[in-house]
Amino acid sequence: MMDWTQTLTIILSVFGSTAAVWYVVREDIKRHDLELKEMRQEFHNVRTEMKEEFSKGHALWANLLKQIYDIKLDQSQRNAKA
């Protein structure tokens, strides 16, 4: 039969172990949260860059198509006069 000091020792050991595990887990969660925030920021930066590059490419294509249209329009007007 256990006396009260052995019971108290076991209870305190369980609580101490639980607290130690919780501390390690909590630090691990903080580290993972930080990594996740960094990954989100990196994704946001890459997405913003891609959006800007797409906009530049879209503008270049739109300008090129407008120039082609203007040239074709000018050619058709010359052919209509001739």
C-alpha atoms as a PDB file:
ATOM      1  CA  MET A   1       0.000   0.000   0.000  1.00  0.00           C
ATOM      2  CA  MET A   2       1.246   3.490  -0.896  1.00  0.00           C
ATOM      3  CA  ASP A   3       1.408   6.227   1.608  1.00  0.00           C
ATOM      4  CA  TRP A   4       0.415   9.794   0.824  1.00  0.00           C
ATOM      5  CA  THR A   5       3.992  10.930  -0.007  1.00  0.00           C
ATOM      6  CA  GLN A   6       4.359   8.327  -2.748  1.00  0.00           C
ATOM      7  CA  THR A   7       0.963   9.272  -4.160  1.00  0.00           C
ATOM      8  CA  LEU A   8       1.873  12.960  -4.072  1.00  0.00           C
ATOM      9  CA  THR A   9       5.206  12.203  -5.757  1.00  0.00           C
ATOM     10  CA  ILE A  10       3.469  10.315  -8.564  1.00  0.00           C
ATOM     11  CA  ILE A  11       0.863  13.051  -9.044  1.00  0.00           C
ATOM     12  CA  LEU A  12       3.515  15.777  -9.107  1.00  0.00           C
ATOM     13  CA  SER A  13       5.632  13.744 -11.530  1.00  0.00           C
ATOM     14  CA  VAL A  14       2.660  13.345 -13.890  1.00  0.00           C
ATOM     15  CA  PHE A  15       1.833  17.055 -13.695  1.00  0.00           C
ATOM     16  CA  GLY A  16       5.488  17.992 -14.183  1.00  0.00           C
ATOM     17  CA  SER A  17       5.840  15.707 -17.183  1.00  0.00           C
ATOM     18  CA  THR A  18       2.610  17.046 -18.679  1.00  0.00           C
ATOM     19  CA  ALA A  19       3.801  20.626 -18.194  1.00  0.00           C
ATOM     20  CA  ALA A  20       7.155  19.835 -19.822  1.00  0.00           C
ATOM     21  CA  VAL A  21       5.505  18.182 -22.808  1.00  0.00           C
ATOM     22  CA  TRP A  22       3.045  21.077 -23.151  1.00  0.00           C
ATOM     23  CA  TYR A  23       5.934  23.578 -23.084  1.00  0.00           C
ATOM     24  CA  VAL A  24       7.757  21.711 -25.876  1.00  0.00           C
ATOM     25  CA  VAL A  25       4.574  21.379 -27.931  1.00  0.00           C
ATOM     26  CA  ARG A  26       3.720  25.050 -27.441  1.00  0.00           C
ATOM     27  CA  GLU A  27       7.166  26.117 -28.668  1.00  0.00           C
ATOM     28  CA  ASP A  28       6.818  23.782 -31.637  1.00  0.00           C
ATOM     29  CA  ILE A  29       3.429  25.302 -32.485  1.00  0.00           C
ATOM     30  CA  LYS A  30       4.921  28.811 -32.301  1.00  0.00           C
ATOM     31  CA  ARG A  31       7.729  27.769 -34.653  1.00  0.00           C
ATOM     32  CA  HIS A  32       5.280  26.226 -37.120  1.00  0.00           C
ATOM     33  CA  ASP A  33       3.085  29.340 -36.989  1.00  0.00           C
ATOM     34  CA  LEU A  34       6.099  31.510 -37.762  1.00  0.00           C
ATOM     35  CA  GLU A  35       7.086  29.257 -40.672  1.00  0.00           C
ATOM     36  CA  LEU A  36       3.522  29.360 -41.986  1.00  0.00           C
ATOM     37  CA  LYS A  37       3.454  33.166 -41.809  1.00  0.00           C
ATOM     38  CA  GLU A  38       6.751  33.323 -43.696  1.00  0.00           C
ATOM     39  CA  MET A  39       5.436  30.942 -46.362  1.00  0.00           C
ATOM     40  CA  ARG A  40       2.243  32.983 -46.733  1.00  0.00           C
ATOM     41  CA  GLN A  41       4.250  36.195 -47.114  1.00  0.00           C
ATOM     42  CA  GLU A  42       6.529  34.566 -49.687  1.00  0.00           C
ATOM     43  CA  PHE A  43       3.506  33.260 -51.602  1.00  0.00           C
ATOM     44  CA  HIS A  44       1.929  36.729 -51.502  1.00  0.00           C
ATOM     45  CA  ASN A  45       5.147  38.310 -52.817  1.00  0.00           C
ATOM     46  CA  VAL A  46       5.467  35.788 -55.656  1.00  0.00           C
ATOM     47  CA  ARG A  47       1.791  36.188 -56.524  1.00  0.00           C
ATOM     48  CA  THR A  48       2.134  39.978 -56.614  1.00  0.00           C
ATOM     49  CA  GLU A  49       5.205  39.729 -58.851  1.00  0.00           C
ATOM     50  CA  MET A  50       3.445  37.321 -61.209  1.00  0.00           C
ATOM     51  CA  LYS A  51       0.406  39.601 -61.333  1.00  0.00           C
ATOM     52  CA  GLU A  52       2.607  42.574 -62.239  1.00  0.00           C
ATOM     53  CA  GLU A  53       4.470  40.582 -64.893  1.00  0.00           C
ATOM     54  CA  PHE A  54       1.189  39.331 -66.345  1.00  0.00           C
ATOM     55  CA  SER A  55      -0.135  42.889 -66.469  1.00  0.00           C
ATOM     56  CA  LYS A  56       3.015  44.051 -68.279  1.00  0.00           C
ATOM     57  CA  GLY A  57       2.755  41.180 -70.765  1.00  0.00           C
ATOM     58  CA  HIS A  58      -0.950  41.823 -71.256  1.00  0.00           C
ATOM     59  CA  ALA A  59      -0.272  45.510 -71.925  1.00  0.00           C
ATOM     60  CA  LEU A  60       2.469  44.640 -74.431  1.00  0.00           C
ATOM     61  CA  TRP A  61       0.196  42.237 -76.297  1.00  0.00           C
ATOM     62  CA  ALA A  62      -2.654  44.766 -76.298  1.00  0.00           C
ATOM     63  CA  ASN A  63      -0.337  47.442 -77.666  1.00  0.00           C
ATOM     64  CA  LEU A  64       1.012  45.081 -80.341  1.00  0.00           C
ATOM     65  CA  LEU A  65      -2.487  44.078 -81.434  1.00  0.00           C
ATOM     66  CA  LYS A  66      -3.539  47.726 -81.587  1.00  0.00           C
ATOM     67  CA  GLN A  67      -0.535  48.546 -83.763  1.00  0.00           C
ATOM     68  CA  ILE A  68      -1.337  45.622 -86.070  1.00  0.00           C
ATOM     69  CA  TYR A  69      -4.958  46.777 -86.269  1.00  0.00           C
ATOM     70  CA  ASP A  70      -3.870  50.340 -87.076  1.00  0.00           C
ATOM     71  CA  ILE A  71      -1.507  49.103 -89.810  1.00  0.00           C
ATOM     72  CA  LYS A  72      -4.183  46.866 -91.332  1.00  0.00           C
ATOM     73  CA  LEU A  73      -6.730  49.688 -91.159  1.00  0.00           C
ATOM     74  CA  ASP A  74      -4.303  52.070 -92.851  1.00  0.00           C
ATOM     75  CA  GLN A  75      -3.548  49.483 -95.564  1.00  0.00           C
ATOM     76  CA  SER A  76      -7.240  48.851 -96.220  1.00  0.00           C
ATOM     77  CA  GLN A  77      -7.908  52.587 -96.462  1.00  0.00           C
ATOM     78  CA  ARG A  78      -5.037  52.976 -98.984  1.00  0.00           C
ATOM     79  CA  ASN A  79      -6.348  50.043-101.013  1.00  0.00           C
ATOM     80  CA  ALA A  80      -9.845  51.546-101.000  1.00  0.00           C
ATOM     81  CA  LYS A  81      -8.511  54.870-102.360  1.00  0.00           C
ATOM     82  CA  ALA A  82      -6.506  53.193-105.107  1.00  0.00           C
END
